[in-house]
Amino acid sequence: MKRKVCFMFVSASVTQSMRMEMEYGPGLMIVVGVKDYRMACDEAIKLAEEGVILLELCGGFGTVGHAMVTEAVNGKCQVGAVRFDNHPGFDGASGDSKFL
């Protein structure tokens, strides 16, 4: 069985979830784009149910967003994050101030 991992990004310009998959050696890398934290939680649950073992969140997720996704998957996969407390793509704001 292929090892499934995922990178998830959040952007207000996304209107519906976006997904891209690419094979790499022993596994499958999935990239998912979401418009907000609620959609991120919904997609994370689906990813965990389909066997994703690692979910890495982009720097657009603040600490609250990271916590929400971690809680949503309920231990079914590990959730990590790239950290930008002041994200350059959000004019120096945290995702928490933009998506909560």
PDB file of N, CA and C in Angstrom:
ATOM      1  N   MET A   1       0.848  -1.189   0.000  1.00  0.00           N
ATOM      2  CA  MET A   1       0.000   0.000   0.000  1.00  0.00           C
ATOM      3  C   MET A   1       0.888   1.245   0.000  1.00  0.00           C
ATOM      4  N   LYS A   2       0.514   2.216  -0.775  1.00  0.00           N
ATOM      5  CA  LYS A   2       1.261   3.465  -0.847  1.00  0.00           C
ATOM      6  C   LYS A   2       1.037   4.310   0.405  1.00  0.00           C
ATOM      7  N   ARG A   3       2.108   4.929   0.858  1.00  0.00           N
ATOM      8  CA  ARG A   3       2.056   5.842   2.005  1.00  0.00           C
ATOM      9  C   ARG A   3       1.459   7.162   1.524  1.00  0.00           C
ATOM     10  N   LYS A   4       0.381   7.623   2.160  1.00  0.00           N
ATOM     11  CA  LYS A   4      -0.287   8.858   1.758  1.00  0.00           C
ATOM     12  C   LYS A   4       0.049   9.985   2.728  1.00  0.00           C
ATOM     13  N   VAL A   5       0.512  11.106   2.158  1.00  0.00           N
ATOM     14  CA  VAL A   5       0.786  12.303   2.944  1.00  0.00           C
ATOM     15  C   VAL A   5       0.107  13.487   2.260  1.00  0.00           C
ATOM     16  N   CYS A   6      -0.120  14.560   3.005  1.00  0.00           N
ATOM     17  CA  CYS A   6      -0.845  15.698   2.443  1.00  0.00           C
ATOM     18  C   CYS A   6      -0.265  17.012   2.926  1.00  0.00           C
ATOM     19  N   PHE A   7      -0.247  17.988   2.032  1.00  0.00           N
ATOM     20  CA  PHE A   7       0.041  19.385   2.360  1.00  0.00           C
ATOM     21  C   PHE A   7      -1.248  20.146   2.076  1.00  0.00           C
ATOM     22  N   MET A   8      -1.710  20.939   3.047  1.00  0.00           N
ATOM     23  CA  MET A   8      -2.949  21.705   2.886  1.00  0.00           C
ATOM     24  C   MET A   8      -2.658  23.197   3.000  1.00  0.00           C
ATOM     25  N   PHE A   9      -3.194  23.971   2.047  1.00  0.00           N
ATOM     26  CA  PHE A   9      -3.058  25.424   2.130  1.00  0.00           C
ATOM     27  C   PHE A   9      -4.432  26.062   2.236  1.00  0.00           C
ATOM     28  N   VAL A  10      -4.459  27.252   2.832  1.00  0.00           N
ATOM     29  CA  VAL A  10      -5.702  27.987   3.018  1.00  0.00           C
ATOM     30  C   VAL A  10      -5.591  29.336   2.320  1.00  0.00           C
ATOM     31  N   SER A  11      -6.635  29.688   1.559  1.00  0.00           N
ATOM     32  CA  SER A  11      -6.656  30.953   0.838  1.00  0.00           C
ATOM     33  C   SER A  11      -8.108  31.370   0.615  1.00  0.00           C
ATOM     34  N   ALA A  12      -8.406  32.612   0.917  1.00  0.00           N
ATOM     35  CA  ALA A  12      -9.772  33.108   0.731  1.00  0.00           C
ATOM     36  C   ALA A  12     -10.180  33.101  -0.738  1.00  0.00           C
ATOM     37  N   SER A  13      -9.217  33.025  -1.655  1.00  0.00           N
ATOM     38  CA  SER A  13      -9.555  33.014  -3.078  1.00  0.00           C
ATOM     39  C   SER A  13     -10.022  31.645  -3.567  1.00  0.00           C
ATOM     40  N   VAL A  14      -9.894  30.624  -2.737  1.00  0.00           N
ATOM     41  CA  VAL A  14     -10.384  29.287  -3.092  1.00  0.00           C
ATOM     42  C   VAL A  14     -11.893  29.264  -2.842  1.00  0.00           C
ATOM     43  N   THR A  15     -12.670  28.858  -3.826  1.00  0.00           N
ATOM     44  CA  THR A  15     -14.126  28.846  -3.647  1.00  0.00           C
ATOM     45  C   THR A  15     -14.654  27.467  -3.269  1.00  0.00           C
ATOM     46  N   GLN A  16     -13.969  26.434  -3.715  1.00  0.00           N
ATOM     47  CA  GLN A  16     -14.308  25.062  -3.316  1.00  0.00           C
ATOM     48  C   GLN A  16     -12.997  24.322  -3.149  1.00  0.00           C
ATOM     49  N   SER A  17     -13.016  23.223  -2.421  1.00  0.00           N
ATOM     50  CA  SER A  17     -11.749  22.535  -2.168  1.00  0.00           C
ATOM     51  C   SER A  17     -11.094  22.126  -3.483  1.00  0.00           C
ATOM     52  N   MET A  18      -9.774  22.241  -3.507  1.00  0.00           N
ATOM     53  CA  MET A  18      -8.973  21.894  -4.670  1.00  0.00           C
ATOM     54  C   MET A  18      -8.056  20.742  -4.257  1.00  0.00           C
ATOM     55  N   ARG A  19      -7.790  19.837  -5.173  1.00  0.00           N
ATOM     56  CA  ARG A  19      -6.956  18.690  -4.838  1.00  0.00           C
ATOM     57  C   ARG A  19      -6.086  18.299  -6.024  1.00  0.00           C
ATOM     58  N   MET A  20      -4.826  18.001  -5.724  1.00  0.00           N
ATOM     59  CA  MET A  20      -3.889  17.504  -6.718  1.00  0.00           C
ATOM     60  C   MET A  20      -3.114  16.351  -6.081  1.00  0.00           C
ATOM     61  N   GLU A  21      -2.854  15.312  -6.851  1.00  0.00           N
ATOM     62  CA  GLU A  21      -2.109  14.168  -6.337  1.00  0.00           C
ATOM     63  C   GLU A  21      -0.899  13.912  -7.220  1.00  0.00           C
ATOM     64  N   MET A  22       0.190  13.488  -6.593  1.00  0.00           N
ATOM     65  CA  MET A  22       1.351  13.074  -7.367  1.00  0.00           C
ATOM     66  C   MET A  22       2.034  11.898  -6.680  1.00  0.00           C
ATOM     67  N   GLU A  23       2.411  10.939  -7.509  1.00  0.00           N
ATOM     68  CA  GLU A  23       3.110   9.756  -7.020  1.00  0.00           C
ATOM     69  C   GLU A  23       4.561  10.125  -6.750  1.00  0.00           C
ATOM     70  N   TYR A  24       5.109   9.562  -5.697  1.00  0.00           N
ATOM     71  CA  TYR A  24       6.537   9.716  -5.437  1.00  0.00           C
ATOM     72  C   TYR A  24       7.016   8.427  -4.792  1.00  0.00           C
ATOM     73  N   GLY A  25       8.011   7.798  -5.359  1.00  0.00           N
ATOM     74  CA  GLY A  25       8.601   6.587  -4.785  1.00  0.00           C
ATOM     75  C   GLY A  25       7.596   5.705  -4.067  1.00  0.00           C
ATOM     76  N   PRO A  26       7.716   5.663  -2.739  1.00  0.00           N
ATOM     77  CA  PRO A  26       6.862   4.759  -1.967  1.00  0.00           C
ATOM     78  C   PRO A  26       5.474   5.302  -1.642  1.00  0.00           C
ATOM     79  N   GLY A  27       5.135   6.473  -2.147  1.00  0.00           N
ATOM     80  CA  GLY A  27       3.878   7.030  -1.685  1.00  0.00           C
ATOM     81  C   GLY A  27       3.153   7.948  -2.630  1.00  0.00           C
ATOM     82  N   LEU A  28       2.166   8.612  -2.061  1.00  0.00           N
ATOM     83  CA  LEU A  28       1.302   9.537  -2.769  1.00  0.00           C
ATOM     84  C   LEU A  28       1.289  10.844  -1.994  1.00  0.00           C
ATOM     85  N   MET A  29       1.627  11.942  -2.677  1.00  0.00           N
ATOM     86  CA  MET A  29       1.574  13.268  -2.079  1.00  0.00           C
ATOM     87  C   MET A  29       0.310  13.941  -2.576  1.00  0.00           C
ATOM     88  N   ILE A  30      -0.503  14.387  -1.647  1.00  0.00           N
ATOM     89  CA  ILE A  30      -1.764  15.054  -1.965  1.00  0.00           C
ATOM     90  C   ILE A  30      -1.637  16.510  -1.533  1.00  0.00           C
ATOM     91  N   VAL A  31      -2.018  17.425  -2.403  1.00  0.00           N
ATOM     92  CA  VAL A  31      -2.051  18.844  -2.064  1.00  0.00           C
ATOM     93  C   VAL A  31      -3.510  19.269  -2.116  1.00  0.00           C
ATOM     94  N   VAL A  32      -3.967  19.883  -1.036  1.00  0.00           N
ATOM     95  CA  VAL A  32      -5.366  20.306  -0.940  1.00  0.00           C
ATOM     96  C   VAL A  32      -5.418  21.791  -0.614  1.00  0.00           C
ATOM     97  N   GLY A  33      -6.245  22.525  -1.348  1.00  0.00           N
ATOM     98  CA  GLY A  33      -6.482  23.934  -1.068  1.00  0.00           C
ATOM     99  C   GLY A  33      -7.887  24.121  -0.521  1.00  0.00           C
ATOM    100  N   VAL A  34      -8.004  24.952   0.521  1.00  0.00           N
ATOM    101  CA  VAL A  34      -9.304  25.220   1.158  1.00  0.00           C
ATOM    102  C   VAL A  34      -9.482  26.724   1.337  1.00  0.00           C
ATOM    103  N   LYS A  35     -10.739  27.153   1.511  1.00  0.00           N
ATOM    104  CA  LYS A  35     -11.011  28.590   1.634  1.00  0.00           C
ATOM    105  C   LYS A  35     -11.007  29.098   3.072  1.00  0.00           C
ATOM    106  N   ASP A  36     -11.193  28.210   4.048  1.00  0.00           N
ATOM    107  CA  ASP A  36     -11.247  28.648   5.437  1.00  0.00           C
ATOM    108  C   ASP A  36     -11.044  27.454   6.373  1.00  0.00           C
ATOM    109  N   TYR A  37     -11.042  27.713   7.649  1.00  0.00           N
ATOM    110  CA  TYR A  37     -10.782  26.659   8.627  1.00  0.00           C
ATOM    111  C   TYR A  37     -11.878  25.591   8.643  1.00  0.00           C
ATOM    112  N   ARG A  38     -13.116  25.988   8.472  1.00  0.00           N
ATOM    113  CA  ARG A  38     -14.203  25.005   8.474  1.00  0.00           C
ATOM    114  C   ARG A  38     -14.017  23.997   7.337  1.00  0.00           C
ATOM    115  N   MET A  39     -13.714  24.502   6.145  1.00  0.00           N
ATOM    116  CA  MET A  39     -13.471  23.617   5.018  1.00  0.00           C
ATOM    117  C   MET A  39     -12.220  22.765   5.281  1.00  0.00           C
ATOM    118  N   ALA A  40     -11.225  23.346   5.921  1.00  0.00           N
ATOM    119  CA  ALA A  40     -10.008  22.600   6.249  1.00  0.00           C
ATOM    120  C   ALA A  40     -10.329  21.406   7.148  1.00  0.00           C
ATOM    121  N   CYS A  41     -11.156  21.627   8.142  1.00  0.00           N
ATOM    122  CA  CYS A  41     -11.540  20.533   9.057  1.00  0.00           C
ATOM    123  C   CYS A  41     -12.308  19.454   8.305  1.00  0.00           C
ATOM    124  N   ASP A  42     -13.242  19.847   7.462  1.00  0.00           N
ATOM    125  CA  ASP A  42     -14.019  18.880   6.678  1.00  0.00           C
ATOM    126  C   ASP A  42     -13.103  18.042   5.782  1.00  0.00           C
ATOM    127  N   GLU A  43     -12.181  18.714   5.085  1.00  0.00           N
ATOM    128  CA  GLU A  43     -11.272  18.005   4.189  1.00  0.00           C
ATOM    129  C   GLU A  43     -10.289  17.136   4.967  1.00  0.00           C
ATOM    130  N   ALA A  44      -9.838  17.608   6.112  1.00  0.00           N
ATOM    131  CA  ALA A  44      -8.902  16.825   6.930  1.00  0.00           C
ATOM    132  C   ALA A  44      -9.542  15.524   7.404  1.00  0.00           C
ATOM    133  N   ILE A  45     -10.793  15.578   7.775  1.00  0.00           N
ATOM    134  CA  ILE A  45     -11.508  14.367   8.197  1.00  0.00           C
ATOM    135  C   ILE A  45     -11.556  13.371   7.046  1.00  0.00           C
ATOM    136  N   LYS A  46     -11.890  13.844   5.847  1.00  0.00           N
ATOM    137  CA  LYS A  46     -11.931  12.965   4.671  1.00  0.00           C
ATOM    138  C   LYS A  46     -10.558  12.356   4.395  1.00  0.00           C
ATOM    139  N   LEU A  47      -9.516  13.174   4.466  1.00  0.00           N
ATOM    140  CA  LEU A  47      -8.158  12.701   4.210  1.00  0.00           C
ATOM    141  C   LEU A  47      -7.753  11.623   5.214  1.00  0.00           C
ATOM    142  N   ALA A  48      -8.045  11.853   6.478  1.00  0.00           N
ATOM    143  CA  ALA A  48      -7.708  10.859   7.509  1.00  0.00           C
ATOM    144  C   ALA A  48      -8.461   9.559   7.266  1.00  0.00           C
ATOM    145  N   GLU A  49      -9.721   9.666   6.869  1.00  0.00           N
ATOM    146  CA  GLU A  49     -10.520   8.464   6.612  1.00  0.00           C
ATOM    147  C   GLU A  49     -10.013   7.679   5.406  1.00  0.00           C
ATOM    148  N   GLU A  50      -9.373   8.368   4.439  1.00  0.00           N
ATOM    149  CA  GLU A  50      -8.851   7.650   3.279  1.00  0.00           C
ATOM    150  C   GLU A  50      -7.415   7.165   3.486  1.00  0.00           C
ATOM    151  N   GLY A  51      -6.898   7.335   4.703  1.00  0.00           N
ATOM    152  CA  GLY A  51      -5.602   6.753   5.028  1.00  0.00           C
ATOM    153  C   GLY A  51      -4.403   7.670   5.001  1.00  0.00           C
ATOM    154  N   VAL A  52      -4.606   8.967   4.910  1.00  0.00           N
ATOM    155  CA  VAL A  52      -3.482   9.898   4.999  1.00  0.00           C
ATOM    156  C   VAL A  52      -2.893   9.788   6.407  1.00  0.00           C
ATOM    157  N   ILE A  53      -1.558   9.632   6.480  1.00  0.00           N
ATOM    158  CA  ILE A  53      -0.913   9.464   7.786  1.00  0.00           C
ATOM    159  C   ILE A  53      -0.296  10.748   8.313  1.00  0.00           C
ATOM    160  N   LEU A  54      -0.083  11.724   7.420  1.00  0.00           N
ATOM    161  CA  LEU A  54       0.570  12.967   7.792  1.00  0.00           C
ATOM    162  C   LEU A  54      -0.090  14.104   7.049  1.00  0.00           C
ATOM    163  N   LEU A  55      -0.487  15.122   7.777  1.00  0.00           N
ATOM    164  CA  LEU A  55      -1.115  16.301   7.193  1.00  0.00           C
ATOM    165  C   LEU A  55      -0.313  17.508   7.644  1.00  0.00           C
ATOM    166  N   GLU A  56       0.306  18.203   6.696  1.00  0.00           N
ATOM    167  CA  GLU A  56       1.075  19.399   7.024  1.00  0.00           C
ATOM    168  C   GLU A  56       0.315  20.613   6.544  1.00  0.00           C
ATOM    169  N   LEU A  57       0.111  21.562   7.442  1.00  0.00           N
ATOM    170  CA  LEU A  57      -0.640  22.773   7.140  1.00  0.00           C
ATOM    171  C   LEU A  57       0.299  23.894   6.740  1.00  0.00           C
ATOM    172  N   CYS A  58      -0.119  24.715   5.792  1.00  0.00           N
ATOM    173  CA  CYS A  58       0.703  25.833   5.340  1.00  0.00           C
ATOM    174  C   CYS A  58       0.786  26.905   6.428  1.00  0.00           C
ATOM    175  N   GLY A  59       1.678  27.854   6.196  1.00  0.00           N
ATOM    176  CA  GLY A  59       1.876  28.931   7.154  1.00  0.00           C
ATOM    177  C   GLY A  59       0.687  29.857   7.306  1.00  0.00           C
ATOM    178  N   GLY A  60      -0.303  29.746   6.435  1.00  0.00           N
ATOM    179  CA  GLY A  60      -1.508  30.559   6.563  1.00  0.00           C
ATOM    180  C   GLY A  60      -2.394  30.146   7.729  1.00  0.00           C
ATOM    181  N   PHE A  61      -2.203  28.940   8.233  1.00  0.00           N
ATOM    182  CA  PHE A  61      -2.969  28.488   9.391  1.00  0.00           C
ATOM    183  C   PHE A  61      -2.321  29.054  10.647  1.00  0.00           C
ATOM    184  N   GLY A  62      -3.083  29.730  11.441  1.00  0.00           N
ATOM    185  CA  GLY A  62      -2.584  30.193  12.734  1.00  0.00           C
ATOM    186  C   GLY A  62      -2.658  29.058  13.743  1.00  0.00           C
ATOM    187  N   THR A  63      -2.330  29.368  14.973  1.00  0.00           N
ATOM    188  CA  THR A  63      -2.336  28.338  16.011  1.00  0.00           C
ATOM    189  C   THR A  63      -3.742  27.801  16.277  1.00  0.00           C
ATOM    190  N   VAL A  64      -4.744  28.655  16.177  1.00  0.00           N
ATOM    191  CA  VAL A  64      -6.126  28.195  16.384  1.00  0.00           C
ATOM    192  C   VAL A  64      -6.548  27.275  15.236  1.00  0.00           C
ATOM    193  N   GLY A  65      -6.224  27.662  14.000  1.00  0.00           N
ATOM    194  CA  GLY A  65      -6.543  26.814  12.850  1.00  0.00           C
ATOM    195  C   GLY A  65      -5.870  25.458  12.951  1.00  0.00           C
ATOM    196  N   HIS A  66      -4.606  25.451  13.362  1.00  0.00           N
ATOM    197  CA  HIS A  66      -3.873  24.194  13.551  1.00  0.00           C
ATOM    198  C   HIS A  66      -4.586  23.334  14.592  1.00  0.00           C
ATOM    199  N   ALA A  67      -4.977  23.945  15.698  1.00  0.00           N
ATOM    200  CA  ALA A  67      -5.673  23.206  16.753  1.00  0.00           C
ATOM    201  C   ALA A  67      -7.013  22.661  16.257  1.00  0.00           C
ATOM    202  N   MET A  68      -7.736  23.440  15.482  1.00  0.00           N
ATOM    203  CA  MET A  68      -9.038  22.989  14.972  1.00  0.00           C
ATOM    204  C   MET A  68      -8.893  21.767  14.071  1.00  0.00           C
ATOM    205  N   VAL A  69      -7.905  21.789  13.170  1.00  0.00           N
ATOM    206  CA  VAL A  69      -7.697  20.649  12.268  1.00  0.00           C
ATOM    207  C   VAL A  69      -7.234  19.437  13.061  1.00  0.00           C
ATOM    208  N   THR A  70      -6.335  19.639  14.019  1.00  0.00           N
ATOM    209  CA  THR A  70      -5.855  18.536  14.851  1.00  0.00           C
ATOM    210  C   THR A  70      -7.016  17.886  15.597  1.00  0.00           C
ATOM    211  N   GLU A  71      -7.894  18.692  16.139  1.00  0.00           N
ATOM    212  CA  GLU A  71      -9.065  18.159  16.850  1.00  0.00           C
ATOM    213  C   GLU A  71      -9.997  17.432  15.886  1.00  0.00           C
ATOM    214  N   ALA A  72     -10.165  17.965  14.687  1.00  0.00           N
ATOM    215  CA  ALA A  72     -11.084  17.364  13.713  1.00  0.00           C
ATOM    216  C   ALA A  72     -10.670  15.951  13.319  1.00  0.00           C
ATOM    217  N   VAL A  73      -9.361  15.705  13.162  1.00  0.00           N
ATOM    218  CA  VAL A  73      -8.925  14.368  12.729  1.00  0.00           C
ATOM    219  C   VAL A  73      -8.913  13.361  13.871  1.00  0.00           C
ATOM    220  N   ASN A  74      -9.053  13.850  15.089  1.00  0.00           N
ATOM    221  CA  ASN A  74      -9.251  12.981  16.253  1.00  0.00           C
ATOM    222  C   ASN A  74      -8.207  11.854  16.358  1.00  0.00           C
ATOM    223  N   GLY A  75      -6.938  12.194  16.136  1.00  0.00           N
ATOM    224  CA  GLY A  75      -5.865  11.218  16.286  1.00  0.00           C
ATOM    225  C   GLY A  75      -5.695  10.245  15.129  1.00  0.00           C
ATOM    226  N   LYS A  76      -6.479  10.403  14.062  1.00  0.00           N
ATOM    227  CA  LYS A  76      -6.403   9.459  12.935  1.00  0.00           C
ATOM    228  C   LYS A  76      -5.210   9.729  12.024  1.00  0.00           C
ATOM    229  N   CYS A  77      -4.595  10.911  12.115  1.00  0.00           N
ATOM    230  CA  CYS A  77      -3.348  11.201  11.407  1.00  0.00           C
ATOM    231  C   CYS A  77      -2.625  12.300  12.181  1.00  0.00           C
ATOM    232  N   GLN A  78      -1.346  12.428  11.914  1.00  0.00           N
ATOM    233  CA  GLN A  78      -0.548  13.465  12.559  1.00  0.00           C
ATOM    234  C   GLN A  78      -0.714  14.776  11.798  1.00  0.00           C
ATOM    235  N   VAL A  79      -0.803  15.884  12.531  1.00  0.00           N
ATOM    236  CA  VAL A  79      -0.961  17.199  11.926  1.00  0.00           C
ATOM    237  C   VAL A  79       0.211  18.080  12.351  1.00  0.00           C
ATOM    238  N   GLY A  80       0.921  18.603  11.360  1.00  0.00           N
ATOM    239  CA  GLY A  80       2.031  19.522  11.603  1.00  0.00           C
ATOM    240  C   GLY A  80       1.761  20.818  10.869  1.00  0.00           C
ATOM    241  N   ALA A  81       2.650  21.787  11.050  1.00  0.00           N
ATOM    242  CA  ALA A  81       2.413  23.082  10.416  1.00  0.00           C
ATOM    243  C   ALA A  81       3.716  23.794  10.086  1.00  0.00           C
ATOM    244  N   VAL A  82       3.718  24.463   8.946  1.00  0.00           N
ATOM    245  CA  VAL A  82       4.733  25.440   8.618  1.00  0.00           C
ATOM    246  C   VAL A  82       4.312  26.695   9.367  1.00  0.00           C
ATOM    247  N   ARG A  83       5.206  27.398  10.022  1.00  0.00           N
ATOM    248  CA  ARG A  83       4.784  28.511  10.868  1.00  0.00           C
ATOM    249  C   ARG A  83       5.182  29.872  10.329  1.00  0.00           C
ATOM    250  N   PHE A  84       4.220  30.743  10.203  1.00  0.00           N
ATOM    251  CA  PHE A  84       4.407  32.167   9.979  1.00  0.00           C
ATOM    252  C   PHE A  84       3.423  32.853  10.915  1.00  0.00           C
ATOM    253  N   ASP A  85       3.910  33.405  12.028  1.00  0.00           N
ATOM    254  CA  ASP A  85       2.992  34.119  12.901  1.00  0.00           C
ATOM    255  C   ASP A  85       2.499  35.398  12.232  1.00  0.00           C
ATOM    256  N   ASN A  86       3.317  35.932  11.343  1.00  0.00           N
ATOM    257  CA  ASN A  86       2.963  37.126  10.572  1.00  0.00           C
ATOM    258  C   ASN A  86       3.184  36.773   9.109  1.00  0.00           C
ATOM    259  N   HIS A  87       2.174  36.198   8.487  1.00  0.00           N
ATOM    260  CA  HIS A  87       2.311  35.629   7.141  1.00  0.00           C
ATOM    261  C   HIS A  87       2.472  36.723   6.093  1.00  0.00           C
ATOM    262  N   PRO A  88       3.536  36.639   5.283  1.00  0.00           N
ATOM    263  CA  PRO A  88       3.745  37.673   4.265  1.00  0.00           C
ATOM    264  C   PRO A  88       2.655  37.714   3.198  1.00  0.00           C
ATOM    265  N   GLY A  89       1.998  36.596   2.942  1.00  0.00           N
ATOM    266  CA  GLY A  89       0.919  36.572   1.964  1.00  0.00           C
ATOM    267  C   GLY A  89      -0.377  37.171   2.469  1.00  0.00           C
ATOM    268  N   PHE A  90      -0.451  37.389   3.784  1.00  0.00           N
ATOM    269  CA  PHE A  90      -1.654  37.975   4.393  1.00  0.00           C
ATOM    270  C   PHE A  90      -1.341  39.355   4.967  1.00  0.00           C
ATOM    271  N   ASP A  91      -0.433  40.074   4.319  1.00  0.00           N
ATOM    272  CA  ASP A  91      -0.038  41.418   4.762  1.00  0.00           C
ATOM    273  C   ASP A  91       0.403  41.443   6.219  1.00  0.00           C
ATOM    274  N   GLY A  92       1.148  40.407   6.625  1.00  0.00           N
ATOM    275  CA  GLY A  92       1.691  40.351   7.971  1.00  0.00           C
ATOM    276  C   GLY A  92       0.743  39.863   9.047  1.00  0.00           C
ATOM    277  N   ALA A  93      -0.452  39.439   8.664  1.00  0.00           N
ATOM    278  CA  ALA A  93      -1.432  38.955   9.653  1.00  0.00           C
ATOM    279  C   ALA A  93      -1.322  37.438   9.805  1.00  0.00           C
ATOM    280  N   SER A  94      -1.840  36.931  10.882  1.00  0.00           N
ATOM    281  CA  SER A  94      -1.954  35.491  11.089  1.00  0.00           C
ATOM    282  C   SER A  94      -3.231  34.992  10.409  1.00  0.00           C
ATOM    283  N   GLY A  95      -3.233  33.733  10.007  1.00  0.00           N
ATOM    284  CA  GLY A  95      -4.456  33.147   9.462  1.00  0.00           C
ATOM    285  C   GLY A  95      -5.608  33.205  10.454  1.00  0.00           C
ATOM    286  N   ASP A  96      -5.275  33.186  11.752  1.00  0.00           N
ATOM    287  CA  ASP A  96      -6.328  33.251  12.763  1.00  0.00           C
ATOM    288  C   ASP A  96      -7.132  34.545  12.635  1.00  0.00           C
ATOM    289  N   SER A  97      -6.468  35.648  12.325  1.00  0.00           N
ATOM    290  CA  SER A  97      -7.199  36.923  12.202  1.00  0.00           C
ATOM    291  C   SER A  97      -7.982  36.980  10.892  1.00  0.00           C
ATOM    292  N   LYS A  98      -7.610  36.165   9.931  1.00  0.00           N
ATOM    293  CA  LYS A  98      -8.258  36.199   8.620  1.00  0.00           C
ATOM    294  C   LYS A  98      -9.397  35.178   8.481  1.00  0.00           C
ATOM    295  N   PHE A  99      -9.247  34.017   9.103  1.00  0.00           N
ATOM    296  CA  PHE A  99     -10.189  32.918   8.856  1.00  0.00           C
ATOM    297  C   PHE A  99     -11.074  32.560  10.049  1.00  0.00           C
ATOM    298  N   LEU A 100     -10.955  33.257  11.142  1.00  0.00           N
ATOM    299  CA  LEU A 100     -11.858  32.974  12.292  1.00  0.00           C
ATOM    300  C   LEU A 100     -12.991  33.958  12.321  1.00  0.00           C
TER     301      LEU A 100
END
